[in-house]
Amino acid sequence: ASWAGLCPGDNESAKKRKSGKTRKGNALLRETLVVSAHSAVKNKRSYFYAQFMRISAHRGKKRAYVAVAHSMLIAIYHILKDGVAFQDLGADYYNQFNKERKIHAYLKKLKALGWEAPVVAS
C-alpha cells in the first residue's frame, strides 16, 4: 500500500495528530484503484459500500474512496499471495459488533428527536 501511495499518513507528535496525507506513490496504480473503488461502492450489498458509508459520514467522500481503494489493494495482495478467491464480508459486517451498544445509541438518538420507545414488560 505504501508503494501505491494509498497508505494513510501516521504523523503524530506529543499526542497531537498532524497531517494524515497519503504519500506519493505509483500514480497510475493509485488512480486505477480509486476508479475501481468508485465502481465497487455502487454495489449496496458489499463490504466496500458499508466501509464507504461509514467513513464518508465523518471524513468525506474523497477520503472514503481512498480508504476503499486501500482495502481493495490489501485484498488483491492476499488473493495473489495465497491464491484464494475473493470473499466479500457483506454490507452488514460492521453491524455484527457491539449490537447492544448500537441499539442503545439509536434509541438515545430517537429519544432526542422526540420519539419514545414502548416499554416491554418481561
PDB file of N, CA and C in Angstrom:
ATOM      1  N   ALA A   1       0.829  -1.193   0.000  1.00  0.00           N
ATOM      2  CA  ALA A   1       0.000   0.000   0.000  1.00  0.00           C
ATOM      3  C   ALA A   1       0.868   1.250   0.000  1.00  0.00           C
ATOM      4  N   SER A   2       2.005   1.153   0.631  1.00  0.00           N
ATOM      5  CA  SER A   2       2.913   2.291   0.679  1.00  0.00           C
ATOM      6  C   SER A   2       3.441   2.610  -0.713  1.00  0.00           C
ATOM      7  N   TRP A   3       3.818   1.574  -1.453  1.00  0.00           N
ATOM      8  CA  TRP A   3       4.361   1.760  -2.785  1.00  0.00           C
ATOM      9  C   TRP A   3       3.318   2.347  -3.732  1.00  0.00           C
ATOM     10  N   ALA A   4       2.062   1.995  -3.518  1.00  0.00           N
ATOM     11  CA  ALA A   4       0.988   2.512  -4.366  1.00  0.00           C
ATOM     12  C   ALA A   4       0.574   3.919  -3.962  1.00  0.00           C
ATOM     13  N   GLY A   5       1.023   4.370  -2.800  1.00  0.00           N
ATOM     14  CA  GLY A   5       0.642   5.697  -2.322  1.00  0.00           C
ATOM     15  C   GLY A   5      -0.743   5.720  -1.730  1.00  0.00           C
ATOM     16  N   LEU A   6      -1.180   4.606  -1.163  1.00  0.00           N
ATOM     17  CA  LEU A   6      -2.528   4.529  -0.591  1.00  0.00           C
ATOM     18  C   LEU A   6      -2.533   4.304   0.917  1.00  0.00           C
ATOM     19  N   CYS A   7      -1.368   4.231   1.533  1.00  0.00           N
ATOM     20  CA  CYS A   7      -1.374   4.007   2.980  1.00  0.00           C
ATOM     21  C   CYS A   7      -1.623   5.342   3.687  1.00  0.00           C
ATOM     22  N   PRO A   8      -2.372   5.319   4.767  1.00  0.00           N
ATOM     23  CA  PRO A   8      -2.677   6.569   5.466  1.00  0.00           C
ATOM     24  C   PRO A   8      -1.441   7.106   6.177  1.00  0.00           C
ATOM     25  N   GLY A   9      -1.341   8.411   6.240  1.00  0.00           N
ATOM     26  CA  GLY A   9      -0.240   9.027   6.968  1.00  0.00           C
ATOM     27  C   GLY A   9      -0.436   8.842   8.461  1.00  0.00           C
ATOM     28  N   ASP A  10       0.645   8.689   9.175  1.00  0.00           N
ATOM     29  CA  ASP A  10       0.565   8.487  10.623  1.00  0.00           C
ATOM     30  C   ASP A  10       1.563   9.429  11.289  1.00  0.00           C
ATOM     31  N   ASN A  11       1.292  10.708  11.200  1.00  0.00           N
ATOM     32  CA  ASN A  11       2.202  11.705  11.735  1.00  0.00           C
ATOM     33  C   ASN A  11       1.647  12.214  13.062  1.00  0.00           C
ATOM     34  N   GLU A  12       2.241  11.764  14.151  1.00  0.00           N
ATOM     35  CA  GLU A  12       1.785  12.149  15.476  1.00  0.00           C
ATOM     36  C   GLU A  12       2.999  12.493  16.315  1.00  0.00           C
ATOM     37  N   SER A  13       2.899  13.603  17.049  1.00  0.00           N
ATOM     38  CA  SER A  13       3.987  14.016  17.915  1.00  0.00           C
ATOM     39  C   SER A  13       3.389  14.638  19.166  1.00  0.00           C
ATOM     40  N   ALA A  14       3.858  14.210  20.315  1.00  0.00           N
ATOM     41  CA  ALA A  14       3.369  14.705  21.605  1.00  0.00           C
ATOM     42  C   ALA A  14       1.854  14.549  21.713  1.00  0.00           C
ATOM     43  N   LYS A  15       1.350  13.404  21.249  1.00  0.00           N
ATOM     44  CA  LYS A  15      -0.075  13.064  21.276  1.00  0.00           C
ATOM     45  C   LYS A  15      -0.936  14.050  20.494  1.00  0.00           C
ATOM     46  N   LYS A  16      -0.336  14.735  19.537  1.00  0.00           N
ATOM     47  CA  LYS A  16      -1.086  15.618  18.646  1.00  0.00           C
ATOM     48  C   LYS A  16      -1.025  15.030  17.244  1.00  0.00           C
ATOM     49  N   ARG A  17      -2.198  14.848  16.647  1.00  0.00           N
ATOM     50  CA  ARG A  17      -2.257  14.302  15.300  1.00  0.00           C
ATOM     51  C   ARG A  17      -1.980  15.413  14.307  1.00  0.00           C
ATOM     52  N   LYS A  18      -1.021  15.173  13.439  1.00  0.00           N
ATOM     53  CA  LYS A  18      -0.708  16.138  12.397  1.00  0.00           C
ATOM     54  C   LYS A  18      -1.273  15.622  11.074  1.00  0.00           C
ATOM     55  N   SER A  19      -0.834  16.196   9.963  1.00  0.00           N
ATOM     56  CA  SER A  19      -1.394  15.865   8.661  1.00  0.00           C
ATOM     57  C   SER A  19      -1.350  14.364   8.401  1.00  0.00           C
ATOM     58  N   GLY A  20      -2.470  13.814   7.933  1.00  0.00           N
ATOM     59  CA  GLY A  20      -2.557  12.389   7.626  1.00  0.00           C
ATOM     60  C   GLY A  20      -2.561  12.139   6.136  1.00  0.00           C
ATOM     61  N   LYS A  21      -1.849  12.992   5.383  1.00  0.00           N
ATOM     62  CA  LYS A  21      -1.816  12.840   3.929  1.00  0.00           C
ATOM     63  C   LYS A  21      -1.200  11.505   3.539  1.00  0.00           C
ATOM     64  N   THR A  22      -1.693  10.969   2.433  1.00  0.00           N
ATOM     65  CA  THR A  22      -1.077   9.760   1.895  1.00  0.00           C
ATOM     66  C   THR A  22       0.208  10.161   1.188  1.00  0.00           C
ATOM     67  N   ARG A  23       1.114   9.219   1.059  1.00  0.00           N
ATOM     68  CA  ARG A  23       2.408   9.529   0.454  1.00  0.00           C
ATOM     69  C   ARG A  23       2.339   9.454  -1.061  1.00  0.00           C
ATOM     70  N   LYS A  24       3.380   9.966  -1.694  1.00  0.00           N
ATOM     71  CA  LYS A  24       3.476   9.868  -3.142  1.00  0.00           C
ATOM     72  C   LYS A  24       3.788   8.421  -3.500  1.00  0.00           C
ATOM     73  N   GLY A  25       3.226   7.966  -4.578  1.00  0.00           N
ATOM     74  CA  GLY A  25       3.467   6.584  -4.984  1.00  0.00           C
ATOM     75  C   GLY A  25       3.223   6.421  -6.471  1.00  0.00           C
ATOM     76  N   ASN A  26       2.971   5.214  -6.870  1.00  0.00           N
ATOM     77  CA  ASN A  26       2.702   4.904  -8.265  1.00  0.00           C
ATOM     78  C   ASN A  26       1.362   5.522  -8.655  1.00  0.00           C
ATOM     79  N   ALA A  27       1.416   6.617  -9.415  1.00  0.00           N
ATOM     80  CA  ALA A  27       0.213   7.385  -9.732  1.00  0.00           C
ATOM     81  C   ALA A  27      -0.784   6.579 -10.550  1.00  0.00           C
ATOM     82  N   LEU A  28      -0.291   5.784 -11.494  1.00  0.00           N
ATOM     83  CA  LEU A  28      -1.191   5.007 -12.349  1.00  0.00           C
ATOM     84  C   LEU A  28      -1.940   3.943 -11.532  1.00  0.00           C
ATOM     85  N   LEU A  29      -1.234   3.245 -10.656  1.00  0.00           N
ATOM     86  CA  LEU A  29      -1.867   2.229  -9.811  1.00  0.00           C
ATOM     87  C   LEU A  29      -2.863   2.867  -8.860  1.00  0.00           C
ATOM     88  N   ARG A  30      -2.472   3.973  -8.257  1.00  0.00           N
ATOM     89  CA  ARG A  30      -3.345   4.673  -7.305  1.00  0.00           C
ATOM     90  C   ARG A  30      -4.627   5.129  -8.001  1.00  0.00           C
ATOM     91  N   GLU A  31      -4.496   5.751  -9.157  1.00  0.00           N
ATOM     92  CA  GLU A  31      -5.664   6.244  -9.891  1.00  0.00           C
ATOM     93  C   GLU A  31      -6.569   5.097 -10.305  1.00  0.00           C
ATOM     94  N   THR A  32      -5.985   3.999 -10.754  1.00  0.00           N
ATOM     95  CA  THR A  32      -6.770   2.833 -11.163  1.00  0.00           C
ATOM     96  C   THR A  32      -7.553   2.257  -9.985  1.00  0.00           C
ATOM     97  N   LEU A  33      -6.911   2.170  -8.826  1.00  0.00           N
ATOM     98  CA  LEU A  33      -7.595   1.623  -7.652  1.00  0.00           C
ATOM     99  C   LEU A  33      -8.706   2.550  -7.158  1.00  0.00           C
ATOM    100  N   VAL A  34      -8.490   3.862  -7.229  1.00  0.00           N
ATOM    101  CA  VAL A  34      -9.533   4.796  -6.793  1.00  0.00           C
ATOM    102  C   VAL A  34     -10.731   4.738  -7.745  1.00  0.00           C
ATOM    103  N   VAL A  35     -10.475   4.607  -9.043  1.00  0.00           N
ATOM    104  CA  VAL A  35     -11.575   4.459 -10.007  1.00  0.00           C
ATOM    105  C   VAL A  35     -12.310   3.143  -9.750  1.00  0.00           C
ATOM    106  N   SER A  36     -11.560   2.090  -9.441  1.00  0.00           N
ATOM    107  CA  SER A  36     -12.181   0.803  -9.100  1.00  0.00           C
ATOM    108  C   SER A  36     -13.008   0.914  -7.831  1.00  0.00           C
ATOM    109  N   ALA A  37     -12.542   1.726  -6.886  1.00  0.00           N
ATOM    110  CA  ALA A  37     -13.299   1.936  -5.639  1.00  0.00           C
ATOM    111  C   ALA A  37     -14.626   2.618  -5.933  1.00  0.00           C
ATOM    112  N   HIS A  38     -14.630   3.564  -6.882  1.00  0.00           N
ATOM    113  CA  HIS A  38     -15.884   4.218  -7.274  1.00  0.00           C
ATOM    114  C   HIS A  38     -16.889   3.178  -7.768  1.00  0.00           C
ATOM    115  N   SER A  39     -16.416   2.203  -8.526  1.00  0.00           N
ATOM    116  CA  SER A  39     -17.305   1.160  -9.046  1.00  0.00           C
ATOM    117  C   SER A  39     -17.730   0.188  -7.960  1.00  0.00           C
ATOM    118  N   ALA A  40     -16.796  -0.170  -7.072  1.00  0.00           N
ATOM    119  CA  ALA A  40     -17.092  -1.153  -6.028  1.00  0.00           C
ATOM    120  C   ALA A  40     -18.127  -0.632  -5.041  1.00  0.00           C
ATOM    121  N   VAL A  41     -18.155   0.661  -4.840  1.00  0.00           N
ATOM    122  CA  VAL A  41     -19.072   1.261  -3.866  1.00  0.00           C
ATOM    123  C   VAL A  41     -20.510   1.234  -4.363  1.00  0.00           C
ATOM    124  N   LYS A  42     -20.711   1.076  -5.658  1.00  0.00           N
ATOM    125  CA  LYS A  42     -22.061   1.100  -6.214  1.00  0.00           C
ATOM    126  C   LYS A  42     -22.882  -0.136  -5.856  1.00  0.00           C
ATOM    127  N   ASN A  43     -22.226  -1.238  -5.479  1.00  0.00           N
ATOM    128  CA  ASN A  43     -22.946  -2.443  -5.062  1.00  0.00           C
ATOM    129  C   ASN A  43     -23.326  -2.291  -3.592  1.00  0.00           C
ATOM    130  N   LYS A  44     -24.593  -2.069  -3.318  1.00  0.00           N
ATOM    131  CA  LYS A  44     -25.039  -1.753  -1.965  1.00  0.00           C
ATOM    132  C   LYS A  44     -24.980  -2.946  -0.998  1.00  0.00           C
ATOM    133  N   ARG A  45     -24.717  -4.140  -1.499  1.00  0.00           N
ATOM    134  CA  ARG A  45     -24.647  -5.312  -0.621  1.00  0.00           C
ATOM    135  C   ARG A  45     -23.206  -5.744  -0.362  1.00  0.00           C
ATOM    136  N   SER A  46     -22.253  -4.872  -0.625  1.00  0.00           N
ATOM    137  CA  SER A  46     -20.848  -5.253  -0.472  1.00  0.00           C
ATOM    138  C   SER A  46     -20.225  -4.623   0.775  1.00  0.00           C
ATOM    139  N   TYR A  47     -19.125  -5.209   1.198  1.00  0.00           N
ATOM    140  CA  TYR A  47     -18.357  -4.682   2.328  1.00  0.00           C
ATOM    141  C   TYR A  47     -17.804  -3.302   1.991  1.00  0.00           C
ATOM    142  N   PHE A  48     -17.381  -3.103   0.738  1.00  0.00           N
ATOM    143  CA  PHE A  48     -16.798  -1.823   0.349  1.00  0.00           C
ATOM    144  C   PHE A  48     -17.824  -0.697   0.439  1.00  0.00           C
ATOM    145  N   TYR A  49     -19.090  -0.979   0.121  1.00  0.00           N
ATOM    146  CA  TYR A  49     -20.149   0.020   0.269  1.00  0.00           C
ATOM    147  C   TYR A  49     -20.329   0.381   1.738  1.00  0.00           C
ATOM    148  N   ALA A  50     -20.350  -0.630   2.602  1.00  0.00           N
ATOM    149  CA  ALA A  50     -20.522  -0.380   4.036  1.00  0.00           C
ATOM    150  C   ALA A  50     -19.354   0.443   4.581  1.00  0.00           C
ATOM    151  N   GLN A  51     -18.153   0.115   4.149  1.00  0.00           N
ATOM    152  CA  GLN A  51     -16.975   0.854   4.588  1.00  0.00           C
ATOM    153  C   GLN A  51     -17.037   2.301   4.087  1.00  0.00           C
ATOM    154  N   PHE A  52     -17.424   2.474   2.829  1.00  0.00           N
ATOM    155  CA  PHE A  52     -17.520   3.813   2.258  1.00  0.00           C
ATOM    156  C   PHE A  52     -18.531   4.663   3.024  1.00  0.00           C
ATOM    157  N   MET A  53     -19.700   4.101   3.301  1.00  0.00           N
ATOM    158  CA  MET A  53     -20.739   4.863   4.008  1.00  0.00           C
ATOM    159  C   MET A  53     -20.282   5.237   5.418  1.00  0.00           C
ATOM    160  N   ARG A  54     -19.600   4.324   6.080  1.00  0.00           N
ATOM    161  CA  ARG A  54     -19.130   4.567   7.434  1.00  0.00           C
ATOM    162  C   ARG A  54     -18.088   5.685   7.471  1.00  0.00           C
ATOM    163  N   ILE A  55     -17.155   5.656   6.547  1.00  0.00           N
ATOM    164  CA  ILE A  55     -16.069   6.632   6.551  1.00  0.00           C
ATOM    165  C   ILE A  55     -16.520   7.975   5.980  1.00  0.00           C
ATOM    166  N   SER A  56     -17.328   7.952   4.912  1.00  0.00           N
ATOM    167  CA  SER A  56     -17.724   9.205   4.269  1.00  0.00           C
ATOM    168  C   SER A  56     -18.608  10.058   5.168  1.00  0.00           C
ATOM    169  N   ALA A  57     -19.301   9.441   6.112  1.00  0.00           N
ATOM    170  CA  ALA A  57     -20.146  10.204   7.020  1.00  0.00           C
ATOM    171  C   ALA A  57     -19.327  11.141   7.897  1.00  0.00           C
ATOM    172  N   HIS A  58     -18.114  10.758   8.215  1.00  0.00           N
ATOM    173  CA  HIS A  58     -17.293  11.559   9.114  1.00  0.00           C
ATOM    174  C   HIS A  58     -16.127  12.257   8.417  1.00  0.00           C
ATOM    175  N   ARG A  59     -15.524  11.614   7.437  1.00  0.00           N
ATOM    176  CA  ARG A  59     -14.283  12.127   6.861  1.00  0.00           C
ATOM    177  C   ARG A  59     -14.453  12.756   5.486  1.00  0.00           C
ATOM    178  N   GLY A  60     -15.552  12.438   4.781  1.00  0.00           N
ATOM    179  CA  GLY A  60     -15.761  12.980   3.445  1.00  0.00           C
ATOM    180  C   GLY A  60     -15.637  11.898   2.388  1.00  0.00           C
ATOM    181  N   LYS A  61     -16.208  12.168   1.227  1.00  0.00           N
ATOM    182  CA  LYS A  61     -16.272  11.152   0.182  1.00  0.00           C
ATOM    183  C   LYS A  61     -14.914  10.851  -0.436  1.00  0.00           C
ATOM    184  N   LYS A  62     -14.094  11.866  -0.659  1.00  0.00           N
ATOM    185  CA  LYS A  62     -12.813  11.629  -1.311  1.00  0.00           C
ATOM    186  C   LYS A  62     -11.903  10.766  -0.436  1.00  0.00           C
ATOM    187  N   ARG A  63     -11.876  11.029   0.848  1.00  0.00           N
ATOM    188  CA  ARG A  63     -11.060  10.218   1.756  1.00  0.00           C
ATOM    189  C   ARG A  63     -11.615   8.803   1.844  1.00  0.00           C
ATOM    190  N   ALA A  64     -12.936   8.690   1.781  1.00  0.00           N
ATOM    191  CA  ALA A  64     -13.551   7.365   1.845  1.00  0.00           C
ATOM    192  C   ALA A  64     -13.196   6.540   0.615  1.00  0.00           C
ATOM    193  N   TYR A  65     -13.151   7.173  -0.555  1.00  0.00           N
ATOM    194  CA  TYR A  65     -12.756   6.441  -1.759  1.00  0.00           C
ATOM    195  C   TYR A  65     -11.319   5.947  -1.661  1.00  0.00           C
ATOM    196  N   VAL A  66     -10.437   6.758  -1.104  1.00  0.00           N
ATOM    197  CA  VAL A  66      -9.039   6.339  -0.940  1.00  0.00           C
ATOM    198  C   VAL A  66      -8.962   5.186   0.063  1.00  0.00           C
ATOM    199  N   ALA A  67      -9.767   5.244   1.122  1.00  0.00           N
ATOM    200  CA  ALA A  67      -9.774   4.157   2.109  1.00  0.00           C
ATOM    201  C   ALA A  67     -10.273   2.856   1.492  1.00  0.00           C
ATOM    202  N   VAL A  68     -11.291   2.932   0.654  1.00  0.00           N
ATOM    203  CA  VAL A  68     -11.806   1.735  -0.021  1.00  0.00           C
ATOM    204  C   VAL A  68     -10.764   1.192  -0.988  1.00  0.00           C
ATOM    205  N   ALA A  69     -10.075   2.094  -1.701  1.00  0.00           N
ATOM    206  CA  ALA A  69      -9.014   1.661  -2.613  1.00  0.00           C
ATOM    207  C   ALA A  69      -7.903   0.959  -1.840  1.00  0.00           C
ATOM    208  N   HIS A  70      -7.581   1.463  -0.665  1.00  0.00           N
ATOM    209  CA  HIS A  70      -6.565   0.831   0.200  1.00  0.00           C
ATOM    210  C   HIS A  70      -7.006  -0.571   0.600  1.00  0.00           C
ATOM    211  N   SER A  71      -8.270  -0.724   0.984  1.00  0.00           N
ATOM    212  CA  SER A  71      -8.794  -2.044   1.352  1.00  0.00           C
ATOM    213  C   SER A  71      -8.779  -2.995   0.164  1.00  0.00           C
ATOM    214  N   MET A  72      -9.105  -2.471  -1.013  1.00  0.00           N
ATOM    215  CA  MET A  72      -9.087  -3.309  -2.209  1.00  0.00           C
ATOM    216  C   MET A  72      -7.676  -3.780  -2.520  1.00  0.00           C
ATOM    217  N   LEU A  73      -6.691  -2.901  -2.352  1.00  0.00           N
ATOM    218  CA  LEU A  73      -5.304  -3.271  -2.614  1.00  0.00           C
ATOM    219  C   LEU A  73      -4.840  -4.359  -1.649  1.00  0.00           C
ATOM    220  N   ILE A  74      -5.231  -4.254  -0.390  1.00  0.00           N
ATOM    221  CA  ILE A  74      -4.880  -5.279   0.594  1.00  0.00           C
ATOM    222  C   ILE A  74      -5.531  -6.615   0.212  1.00  0.00           C
ATOM    223  N   ALA A  75      -6.795  -6.567  -0.217  1.00  0.00           N
ATOM    224  CA  ALA A  75      -7.488  -7.792  -0.635  1.00  0.00           C
ATOM    225  C   ALA A  75      -6.810  -8.409  -1.859  1.00  0.00           C
ATOM    226  N   ILE A  76      -6.420  -7.567  -2.815  1.00  0.00           N
ATOM    227  CA  ILE A  76      -5.741  -8.064  -4.015  1.00  0.00           C
ATOM    228  C   ILE A  76      -4.419  -8.719  -3.646  1.00  0.00           C
ATOM    229  N   TYR A  77      -3.692  -8.113  -2.725  1.00  0.00           N
ATOM    230  CA  TYR A  77      -2.414  -8.678  -2.284  1.00  0.00           C
ATOM    231  C   TYR A  77      -2.609 -10.083  -1.708  1.00  0.00           C
ATOM    232  N   HIS A  78      -3.598 -10.234  -0.827  1.00  0.00           N
ATOM    233  CA  HIS A  78      -3.829 -11.544  -0.210  1.00  0.00           C
ATOM    234  C   HIS A  78      -4.349 -12.567  -1.213  1.00  0.00           C
ATOM    235  N   ILE A  79      -5.136 -12.124  -2.170  1.00  0.00           N
ATOM    236  CA  ILE A  79      -5.622 -13.033  -3.211  1.00  0.00           C
ATOM    237  C   ILE A  79      -4.452 -13.565  -4.028  1.00  0.00           C
ATOM    238  N   LEU A  80      -3.536 -12.667  -4.414  1.00  0.00           N
ATOM    239  CA  LEU A  80      -2.383 -13.084  -5.209  1.00  0.00           C
ATOM    240  C   LEU A  80      -1.386 -13.907  -4.395  1.00  0.00           C
ATOM    241  N   LYS A  81      -1.179 -13.539  -3.134  1.00  0.00           N
ATOM    242  CA  LYS A  81      -0.200 -14.234  -2.290  1.00  0.00           C
ATOM    243  C   LYS A  81      -0.663 -15.643  -1.935  1.00  0.00           C
ATOM    244  N   ASP A  82      -1.939 -15.762  -1.519  1.00  0.00           N
ATOM    245  CA  ASP A  82      -2.448 -17.042  -1.043  1.00  0.00           C
ATOM    246  C   ASP A  82      -3.135 -17.863  -2.140  1.00  0.00           C
ATOM    247  N   GLY A  83      -3.457 -17.249  -3.259  1.00  0.00           N
ATOM    248  CA  GLY A  83      -4.117 -17.955  -4.348  1.00  0.00           C
ATOM    249  C   GLY A  83      -5.538 -18.375  -4.012  1.00  0.00           C
ATOM    250  N   VAL A  84      -6.267 -17.527  -3.274  1.00  0.00           N
ATOM    251  CA  VAL A  84      -7.639 -17.847  -2.895  1.00  0.00           C
ATOM    252  C   VAL A  84      -8.596 -16.932  -3.649  1.00  0.00           C
ATOM    253  N   ALA A  85      -9.858 -17.309  -3.672  1.00  0.00           N
ATOM    254  CA  ALA A  85     -10.882 -16.495  -4.317  1.00  0.00           C
ATOM    255  C   ALA A  85     -11.322 -15.382  -3.371  1.00  0.00           C
ATOM    256  N   PHE A  86     -11.774 -14.278  -3.941  1.00  0.00           N
ATOM    257  CA  PHE A  86     -12.249 -13.151  -3.132  1.00  0.00           C
ATOM    258  C   PHE A  86     -13.558 -13.520  -2.460  1.00  0.00           C
ATOM    259  N   GLN A  87     -13.651 -13.229  -1.181  1.00  0.00           N
ATOM    260  CA  GLN A  87     -14.880 -13.490  -0.430  1.00  0.00           C
ATOM    261  C   GLN A  87     -15.315 -12.184   0.233  1.00  0.00           C
ATOM    262  N   ASP A  88     -16.435 -11.641  -0.222  1.00  0.00           N
ATOM    263  CA  ASP A  88     -16.933 -10.375   0.315  1.00  0.00           C
ATOM    264  C   ASP A  88     -17.467 -10.587   1.728  1.00  0.00           C
ATOM    265  N   LEU A  89     -17.165  -9.658   2.618  1.00  0.00           N
ATOM    266  CA  LEU A  89     -17.613  -9.774   4.008  1.00  0.00           C
ATOM    267  C   LEU A  89     -19.076  -9.389   4.168  1.00  0.00           C
ATOM    268  N   GLY A  90     -19.648  -8.661   3.223  1.00  0.00           N
ATOM    269  CA  GLY A  90     -21.057  -8.295   3.256  1.00  0.00           C
ATOM    270  C   GLY A  90     -21.290  -6.913   3.826  1.00  0.00           C
ATOM    271  N   ALA A  91     -22.432  -6.340   3.486  1.00  0.00           N
ATOM    272  CA  ALA A  91     -22.755  -4.984   3.909  1.00  0.00           C
ATOM    273  C   ALA A  91     -23.038  -4.887   5.398  1.00  0.00           C
ATOM    274  N   ASP A  92     -23.422  -5.989   6.028  1.00  0.00           N
ATOM    275  CA  ASP A  92     -23.737  -5.938   7.459  1.00  0.00           C
ATOM    276  C   ASP A  92     -22.535  -6.300   8.334  1.00  0.00           C
ATOM    277  N   TYR A  93     -21.345  -6.256   7.777  1.00  0.00           N
ATOM    278  CA  TYR A  93     -20.138  -6.639   8.520  1.00  0.00           C
ATOM    279  C   TYR A  93     -19.958  -5.792   9.774  1.00  0.00           C
ATOM    280  N   TYR A  94     -20.132  -4.490   9.659  1.00  0.00           N
ATOM    281  CA  TYR A  94     -19.910  -3.599  10.802  1.00  0.00           C
ATOM    282  C   TYR A  94     -21.044  -3.672  11.823  1.00  0.00           C
ATOM    283  N   ASN A  95     -22.205  -4.187  11.417  1.00  0.00           N
ATOM    284  CA  ASN A  95     -23.327  -4.297  12.357  1.00  0.00           C
ATOM    285  C   ASN A  95     -23.185  -5.484  13.297  1.00  0.00           C
ATOM    286  N   GLN A  96     -22.219  -6.352  13.065  1.00  0.00           N
ATOM    287  CA  GLN A  96     -22.050  -7.535  13.902  1.00  0.00           C
ATOM    288  C   GLN A  96     -21.390  -7.209  15.241  1.00  0.00           C
ATOM    289  N   PHE A  97     -20.765  -6.049  15.337  1.00  0.00           N
ATOM    290  CA  PHE A  97     -20.018  -5.712  16.542  1.00  0.00           C
ATOM    291  C   PHE A  97     -20.836  -4.794  17.446  1.00  0.00           C
ATOM    292  N   ASN A  98     -20.765  -5.015  18.744  1.00  0.00           N
ATOM    293  CA  ASN A  98     -21.387  -4.151  19.762  1.00  0.00           C
ATOM    294  C   ASN A  98     -22.872  -3.887  19.481  1.00  0.00           C
ATOM    295  N   LYS A  99     -23.637  -4.942  19.280  1.00  0.00           N
ATOM    296  CA  LYS A  99     -25.047  -4.781  18.932  1.00  0.00           C
ATOM    297  C   LYS A  99     -25.826  -4.043  20.017  1.00  0.00           C
ATOM    298  N   GLU A 100     -25.631  -4.438  21.274  1.00  0.00           N
ATOM    299  CA  GLU A 100     -26.355  -3.793  22.382  1.00  0.00           C
ATOM    300  C   GLU A 100     -26.019  -2.308  22.463  1.00  0.00           C
ATOM    301  N   ARG A 101     -24.752  -1.987  22.265  1.00  0.00           N
ATOM    302  CA  ARG A 101     -24.308  -0.597  22.334  1.00  0.00           C
ATOM    303  C   ARG A 101     -24.939   0.233  21.215  1.00  0.00           C
ATOM    304  N   LYS A 102     -25.039  -0.344  20.028  1.00  0.00           N
ATOM    305  CA  LYS A 102     -25.636   0.363  18.900  1.00  0.00           C
ATOM    306  C   LYS A 102     -27.128   0.555  19.107  1.00  0.00           C
ATOM    307  N   ILE A 103     -27.797  -0.460  19.632  1.00  0.00           N
ATOM    308  CA  ILE A 103     -29.234  -0.346  19.899  1.00  0.00           C
ATOM    309  C   ILE A 103     -29.481   0.785  20.887  1.00  0.00           C
ATOM    310  N   HIS A 104     -28.682   0.819  21.944  1.00  0.00           N
ATOM    311  CA  HIS A 104     -28.827   1.872  22.953  1.00  0.00           C
ATOM    312  C   HIS A 104     -28.577   3.253  22.342  1.00  0.00           C
ATOM    313  N   ALA A 105     -27.561   3.372  21.480  1.00  0.00           N
ATOM    314  CA  ALA A 105     -27.241   4.657  20.854  1.00  0.00           C
ATOM    315  C   ALA A 105     -28.370   5.123  19.933  1.00  0.00           C
ATOM    316  N   TYR A 106     -28.948   4.202  19.152  1.00  0.00           N
ATOM    317  CA  TYR A 106     -30.037   4.574  18.259  1.00  0.00           C
ATOM    318  C   TYR A 106     -31.290   4.958  19.041  1.00  0.00           C
ATOM    319  N   LEU A 107     -31.574   4.239  20.130  1.00  0.00           N
ATOM    320  CA  LEU A 107     -32.721   4.607  20.964  1.00  0.00           C
ATOM    321  C   LEU A 107     -32.522   5.978  21.586  1.00  0.00           C
ATOM    322  N   LYS A 108     -31.304   6.283  21.966  1.00  0.00           N
ATOM    323  CA  LYS A 108     -30.988   7.592  22.543  1.00  0.00           C
ATOM    324  C   LYS A 108     -31.194   8.700  21.511  1.00  0.00           C
ATOM    325  N   LYS A 109     -30.794   8.440  20.256  1.00  0.00           N
ATOM    326  CA  LYS A 109     -30.998   9.424  19.185  1.00  0.00           C
ATOM    327  C   LYS A 109     -32.484   9.635  18.920  1.00  0.00           C
ATOM    328  N   LEU A 110     -33.257   8.540  18.900  1.00  0.00           N
ATOM    329  CA  LEU A 110     -34.700   8.652  18.681  1.00  0.00           C
ATOM    330  C   LEU A 110     -35.365   9.429  19.816  1.00  0.00           C
ATOM    331  N   LYS A 111     -34.913   9.213  21.026  1.00  0.00           N
ATOM    332  CA  LYS A 111     -35.470   9.931  22.168  1.00  0.00           C
ATOM    333  C   LYS A 111     -35.173  11.424  22.053  1.00  0.00           C
ATOM    334  N   ALA A 112     -33.985  11.760  21.564  1.00  0.00           N
ATOM    335  CA  ALA A 112     -33.627  13.164  21.371  1.00  0.00           C
ATOM    336  C   ALA A 112     -34.498  13.814  20.301  1.00  0.00           C
ATOM    337  N   LEU A 113     -34.989  13.021  19.350  1.00  0.00           N
ATOM    338  CA  LEU A 113     -35.871  13.541  18.305  1.00  0.00           C
ATOM    339  C   LEU A 113     -37.327  13.593  18.752  1.00  0.00           C
ATOM    340  N   GLY A 114     -37.603  13.079  19.947  1.00  0.00           N
ATOM    341  CA  GLY A 114     -38.962  13.163  20.479  1.00  0.00           C
ATOM    342  C   GLY A 114     -39.769  11.893  20.380  1.00  0.00           C
ATOM    343  N   TRP A 115     -39.154  10.780  20.043  1.00  0.00           N
ATOM    344  CA  TRP A 115     -39.872   9.506  19.930  1.00  0.00           C
ATOM    345  C   TRP A 115     -39.553   8.658  21.132  1.00  0.00           C
ATOM    346  N   GLU A 116     -40.585   8.178  21.796  1.00  0.00           N
ATOM    347  CA  GLU A 116     -40.401   7.312  22.972  1.00  0.00           C
ATOM    348  C   GLU A 116     -40.574   5.862  22.560  1.00  0.00           C
ATOM    349  N   ALA A 117     -39.661   5.027  22.953  1.00  0.00           N
ATOM    350  CA  ALA A 117     -39.748   3.600  22.671  1.00  0.00           C
ATOM    351  C   ALA A 117     -40.757   2.963  23.621  1.00  0.00           C
ATOM    352  N   PRO A 118     -41.592   2.064  23.111  1.00  0.00           N
ATOM    353  CA  PRO A 118     -42.541   1.394  24.005  1.00  0.00           C
ATOM    354  C   PRO A 118     -41.805   0.505  25.007  1.00  0.00           C
ATOM    355  N   VAL A 119     -42.263   0.526  26.241  1.00  0.00           N
ATOM    356  CA  VAL A 119     -41.631  -0.271  27.291  1.00  0.00           C
ATOM    357  C   VAL A 119     -42.155  -1.705  27.179  1.00  0.00           C
ATOM    358  N   VAL A 120     -41.238  -2.658  27.145  1.00  0.00           N
ATOM    359  CA  VAL A 120     -41.599  -4.063  27.029  1.00  0.00           C
ATOM    360  C   VAL A 120     -41.451  -4.694  28.417  1.00  0.00           C
ATOM    361  N   ALA A 121     -42.553  -5.249  28.932  1.00  0.00           N
ATOM    362  CA  ALA A 121     -42.518  -5.910  30.241  1.00  0.00           C
ATOM    363  C   ALA A 121     -42.014  -7.330  30.064  1.00  0.00           C
ATOM    364  N   SER A 122     -41.057  -7.730  30.911  1.00  0.00           N
ATOM    365  CA  SER A 122     -40.521  -9.080  30.800  1.00  0.00           C
ATOM    366  C   SER A 122     -41.178 -10.021  31.775  1.00  0.00           C
TER     367      SER A 122
END
